[in-house]
Amino acid sequence: MKLIFKLLLGIILGVTIGLIGPEFLIRILITIKAIFGSFINFIIPFIILFFIASGVAGLGKGSGKLVGKTVGTAYISTLLAGFLAFFVAMTVIPFLSTENQAVNEGSALEPYLEMEIAPLMGVVTALVTAFVFGIGITKIKGEWLKNIFDEGKNIIELVIAKVIIPLLPFYIAGVFAELGSEGTVFETLKVFGIVLLLAIVIHWVWLIIQYTIAGIATKQNPFALIKICYPHILQQSEP
């Protein structure tokens, strides 16, 4: 909850500074947004690579079959969830359409500094590499290589806890400061709020569907299963 509060504070500060703040302060926030956004794009493949490879390698013998079933189930679930989201979007989003407000030429502020941090690999490449090495480690019992991925995971966790989470509110503030300076912040916030509400509702609907299927398969009460998992979900979301 602390992170959510900080993000909301970042939105409020970003909107306020974007509307009435001095230009140099807006450009500072936009600069933070640009550099930090590039850093996030750089770190995402490492998050996928080390977390998945370390997790798969920790499954031990028979991980290949387990990973295959897990990936297949996740892929089908993702497709079905995508269709549900598409149906809701096609039904609801047309009613949210607002008149497009073009940004006046030259009115968009530029960051003081742009730094492109190119990722070492793409997201799909990182995903495939993680599965290959994770399953391979279990087959050859490569403890030395497993330790590398485990330690890499620890480093990424440290980066998330000490860099990404503390700076995320400033990134959000930069996004909304830029929108405020361009005069499109209120239209964006209106649509953003409704879309966020829809996302939360659909998220819980899909969770209930998944746990209902799991409850039927295991002959357990799905709502009891959700109640068991809910505290762990909250704990993992805390910075």
Protein backbone atom coordinates (compact mmCIF):
# COMPACT_ATOMS: atom_id res chain seq x y z
CA MET A 1 0.00 0.00 0.00
CA LYS A 2 2.94 2.32 0.60
CA LEU A 3 3.92 2.06 -3.06
CA ILE A 4 0.37 2.80 -4.24
CA PHE A 5 0.29 5.90 -2.03
CA LYS A 6 3.64 7.06 -3.44
CA LEU A 7 2.42 6.52 -7.01
CA LEU A 8 -0.74 8.53 -6.34
CA LEU A 9 1.40 11.27 -4.79
CA GLY A 10 3.59 11.18 -7.92
CA ILE A 11 0.52 11.64 -10.12
CA ILE A 12 -0.72 14.59 -8.04
CA LEU A 13 2.68 16.30 -7.97
CA GLY A 14 3.23 15.63 -11.66
CA VAL A 15 -0.12 17.13 -12.65
CA THR A 16 0.38 20.16 -10.38
CA ILE A 17 3.91 20.87 -11.61
CA GLY A 18 2.89 20.29 -15.23
CA LEU A 19 0.07 22.83 -14.97
CA ILE A 20 1.59 25.61 -12.84
CA GLY A 21 5.24 24.69 -12.29
CA PRO A 22 8.23 26.46 -13.86
CA GLU A 23 9.52 25.12 -17.16
CA PHE A 24 12.91 24.04 -15.80
CA LEU A 25 11.25 21.84 -13.13
CA ILE A 26 8.96 20.24 -15.70
CA ARG A 27 11.94 19.50 -17.93
CA ILE A 28 13.81 17.95 -14.99
CA LEU A 29 10.92 15.55 -14.40
CA ILE A 30 10.69 14.79 -18.12
CA THR A 31 14.44 14.08 -18.12
CA ILE A 32 14.02 11.66 -15.20
CA LYS A 33 11.16 9.98 -17.06
CA ALA A 34 13.20 9.58 -20.24
CA ILE A 35 16.34 8.17 -18.57
CA PHE A 36 14.48 5.97 -16.09
CA GLY A 37 12.19 4.63 -18.82
CA SER A 38 15.24 3.63 -20.85
CA PHE A 39 16.70 1.90 -17.77
CA ILE A 40 13.46 -0.06 -17.22
CA ASN A 41 13.54 -1.28 -20.83
CA PHE A 42 17.13 -2.36 -20.23
CA ILE A 43 16.43 -4.27 -17.01
CA ILE A 44 13.21 -6.09 -18.05
CA PRO A 45 15.00 -8.85 -20.06
CA PHE A 46 17.26 -9.52 -17.05
CA ILE A 47 14.22 -9.83 -14.78
CA ILE A 48 12.74 -12.42 -17.12
CA LEU A 49 16.02 -14.27 -17.65
CA PHE A 50 17.20 -14.62 -14.04
CA PHE A 51 13.85 -15.08 -12.32
CA ILE A 52 12.54 -17.73 -14.72
CA ALA A 53 15.86 -19.57 -15.17
CA SER A 54 16.42 -19.66 -11.40
CA GLY A 55 12.86 -20.82 -10.76
CA VAL A 56 12.91 -23.55 -13.40
CA ALA A 57 16.35 -24.76 -12.30
CA GLY A 58 15.04 -25.04 -8.75
CA LEU A 59 12.26 -27.42 -9.79
CA GLY A 60 14.70 -30.31 -10.06
CA LYS A 61 14.03 -33.55 -11.88
CA GLY A 62 11.07 -33.63 -14.21
CA SER A 63 11.12 -29.87 -14.68
CA GLY A 64 10.82 -30.25 -18.47
CA LYS A 65 7.36 -31.82 -18.30
CA LEU A 66 6.25 -29.48 -15.52
CA VAL A 67 7.44 -26.41 -17.42
CA GLY A 68 5.72 -27.64 -20.59
CA LYS A 69 2.40 -28.08 -18.79
CA THR A 70 2.79 -24.75 -16.98
CA VAL A 71 3.65 -22.83 -20.15
CA GLY A 72 0.81 -24.48 -22.07
CA THR A 73 -1.70 -23.66 -19.33
CA ALA A 74 -0.40 -20.09 -19.01
CA TYR A 75 -0.54 -19.59 -22.80
CA ILE A 76 -4.14 -20.80 -23.05
CA SER A 77 -5.10 -18.68 -20.03
CA THR A 78 -3.42 -15.63 -21.59
CA LEU A 79 -5.28 -16.13 -24.87
CA LEU A 80 -8.65 -16.49 -23.15
CA ALA A 81 -7.95 -13.48 -20.92
CA GLY A 82 -6.94 -11.51 -24.02
CA PHE A 83 -10.22 -12.36 -25.74
CA LEU A 84 -12.14 -11.30 -22.63
CA ALA A 85 -10.25 -8.00 -22.44
CA PHE A 86 -10.77 -7.43 -26.18
CA PHE A 87 -14.52 -8.03 -25.85
CA VAL A 88 -14.79 -5.61 -22.91
CA ALA A 89 -12.66 -3.02 -24.73
CA MET A 90 -14.76 -3.22 -27.90
CA THR A 91 -17.92 -2.87 -25.81
CA VAL A 92 -16.91 -0.13 -23.36
CA ILE A 93 -14.03 1.90 -24.82
CA PRO A 94 -16.06 3.46 -27.71
CA PHE A 95 -18.19 5.23 -25.09
CA LEU A 96 -15.04 6.76 -23.58
CA SER A 97 -13.80 8.37 -26.77
CA THR A 98 -13.03 12.05 -26.40
CA GLU A 99 -12.23 14.69 -28.94
CA ASN A 100 -8.58 14.53 -29.86
CA GLN A 101 -6.69 17.59 -28.71
CA ALA A 102 -3.63 18.11 -30.84
CA VAL A 103 -0.53 19.39 -29.15
CA ASN A 104 0.56 22.69 -30.62
CA GLU A 105 3.71 22.42 -32.66
CA GLY A 106 6.74 23.26 -30.54
CA SER A 107 4.75 23.23 -27.26
CA ALA A 108 6.05 19.84 -26.12
CA LEU A 109 8.98 20.25 -23.75
CA GLU A 110 12.16 18.26 -24.36
CA PRO A 111 14.29 16.58 -21.66
CA TYR A 112 17.61 18.15 -20.78
CA LEU A 113 19.35 14.86 -21.45
CA GLU A 114 18.40 11.73 -23.38
CA MET A 115 20.29 8.52 -22.68
CA GLU A 116 19.39 5.41 -24.64
CA ILE A 117 20.29 2.25 -22.71
CA ALA A 118 19.81 -0.50 -25.26
CA PRO A 119 18.75 -3.87 -23.77
CA LEU A 120 21.18 -6.72 -24.38
CA MET A 121 18.35 -8.93 -25.66
CA GLY A 122 14.66 -8.82 -26.48
CA VAL A 123 11.93 -10.03 -24.15
CA VAL A 124 11.17 -13.19 -26.15
CA THR A 125 14.91 -13.97 -26.44
CA ALA A 126 15.26 -13.64 -22.65
CA LEU A 127 12.23 -15.88 -22.11
CA VAL A 128 13.46 -18.64 -24.41
CA THR A 129 17.01 -18.41 -22.99
CA ALA A 130 15.64 -18.72 -19.45
CA PHE A 131 13.72 -21.89 -20.28
CA VAL A 132 16.65 -23.42 -22.18
CA PHE A 133 19.14 -22.83 -19.37
CA GLY A 134 16.66 -23.60 -16.58
CA ILE A 135 15.71 -26.99 -18.01
CA GLY A 136 19.30 -27.66 -19.10
CA ILE A 137 20.64 -27.06 -15.59
CA THR A 138 18.25 -29.66 -14.15
CA LYS A 139 19.32 -32.21 -16.78
CA ILE A 140 23.08 -31.84 -16.31
CA LYS A 141 22.81 -31.03 -12.59
CA GLY A 142 24.86 -27.89 -13.13
CA GLU A 143 25.06 -26.51 -9.59
CA TRP A 144 27.72 -23.95 -10.54
CA LEU A 145 25.56 -22.55 -13.33
CA LYS A 146 22.47 -22.63 -11.10
CA ASN A 147 24.32 -20.55 -8.52
CA ILE A 148 25.06 -17.94 -11.20
CA PHE A 149 21.36 -17.56 -12.03
CA ASP A 150 20.40 -17.58 -8.34
CA GLU A 151 22.90 -14.83 -7.58
CA GLY A 152 21.80 -12.93 -10.69
CA LYS A 153 18.22 -13.13 -9.41
CA ASN A 154 19.37 -11.73 -6.06
CA ILE A 155 21.09 -8.82 -7.83
CA ILE A 156 17.96 -8.04 -9.87
CA GLU A 157 15.84 -8.16 -6.71
CA LEU A 158 18.26 -5.66 -5.15
CA VAL A 159 17.97 -3.37 -8.19
CA ILE A 160 14.17 -3.54 -8.03
CA ALA A 161 14.08 -2.82 -4.29
CA LYS A 162 16.75 -0.11 -4.19
CA VAL A 163 16.43 1.58 -7.60
CA ILE A 164 13.22 0.86 -9.52
CA ILE A 165 10.65 1.05 -6.71
CA PRO A 166 12.10 4.22 -5.06
CA LEU A 167 12.35 6.05 -8.41
CA LEU A 168 9.03 4.86 -9.86
CA PRO A 169 6.99 7.74 -8.32
CA PHE A 170 9.37 10.27 -9.95
CA TYR A 171 8.90 8.49 -13.30
CA ILE A 172 5.12 8.70 -12.90
CA ALA A 173 5.43 12.36 -11.93
CA GLY A 174 7.45 12.98 -15.09
CA VAL A 175 4.81 11.31 -17.25
CA PHE A 176 2.00 13.44 -15.86
CA ALA A 177 4.10 16.61 -15.75
CA GLU A 178 4.67 16.19 -19.48
CA LEU A 179 0.96 15.63 -20.08
CA GLY A 180 0.14 18.67 -17.94
CA SER A 181 2.52 20.88 -19.88
CA GLU A 182 0.92 19.72 -23.14
CA GLY A 183 -2.62 20.39 -21.86
CA THR A 184 -3.86 16.80 -22.24
CA VAL A 185 -3.60 15.62 -18.64
CA PHE A 186 -7.30 15.81 -17.64
CA GLU A 187 -8.49 13.94 -20.74
CA THR A 188 -5.84 11.31 -20.09
CA LEU A 189 -6.70 11.02 -16.38
CA LYS A 190 -10.39 10.58 -17.18
CA VAL A 191 -9.77 7.71 -19.58
CA PHE A 192 -6.94 6.32 -17.41
CA GLY A 193 -9.18 6.16 -14.33
CA ILE A 194 -11.97 4.32 -16.12
CA VAL A 195 -9.57 1.92 -17.85
CA LEU A 196 -7.82 1.23 -14.52
CA LEU A 197 -11.17 0.45 -12.89
CA LEU A 198 -12.07 -1.87 -15.77
CA ALA A 199 -8.68 -3.58 -15.50
CA ILE A 200 -9.16 -4.23 -11.77
CA VAL A 201 -12.68 -5.60 -12.27
CA ILE A 202 -11.64 -7.84 -15.16
CA HIS A 203 -8.59 -8.96 -13.18
CA TRP A 204 -10.77 -10.20 -10.32
CA VAL A 205 -13.33 -11.74 -12.67
CA TRP A 206 -10.58 -13.73 -14.37
CA LEU A 207 -9.07 -14.76 -11.02
CA ILE A 208 -12.45 -16.07 -9.89
CA ILE A 209 -12.84 -18.01 -13.14
CA GLN A 210 -9.36 -19.53 -12.79
CA TYR A 211 -9.84 -20.48 -9.15
CA THR A 212 -13.29 -21.89 -9.91
CA ILE A 213 -11.77 -24.20 -12.55
CA ALA A 214 -8.97 -25.14 -10.14
CA GLY A 215 -11.52 -25.74 -7.36
CA ILE A 216 -13.60 -28.02 -9.58
CA ALA A 217 -10.48 -29.95 -10.61
CA THR A 218 -9.29 -30.38 -7.01
CA LYS A 219 -12.78 -30.57 -5.45
CA GLN A 220 -12.14 -27.57 -3.21
CA ASN A 221 -13.96 -24.31 -2.54
CA PRO A 222 -12.49 -21.74 -5.00
CA PHE A 223 -13.20 -18.81 -2.68
CA ALA A 224 -11.35 -20.57 0.12
CA LEU A 225 -8.37 -20.97 -2.22
CA ILE A 226 -8.47 -17.26 -3.09
CA LYS A 227 -8.60 -16.40 0.62
CA ILE A 228 -5.49 -18.49 1.23
CA CYS A 229 -3.50 -16.93 -1.64
CA TYR A 230 -4.64 -13.32 -1.13
CA PRO A 231 -2.26 -12.46 1.79
CA HIS A 232 0.70 -13.82 -0.20
CA ILE A 233 -0.25 -11.66 -3.19
CA LEU A 234 -0.40 -8.60 -0.94
CA GLN A 235 2.93 -9.48 0.67
CA GLN A 236 4.64 -9.79 -2.72
CA SER A 237 3.26 -6.43 -3.85
CA GLU A 238 4.82 -4.61 -0.90
CA PRO A 239 8.19 -2.91 -1.69
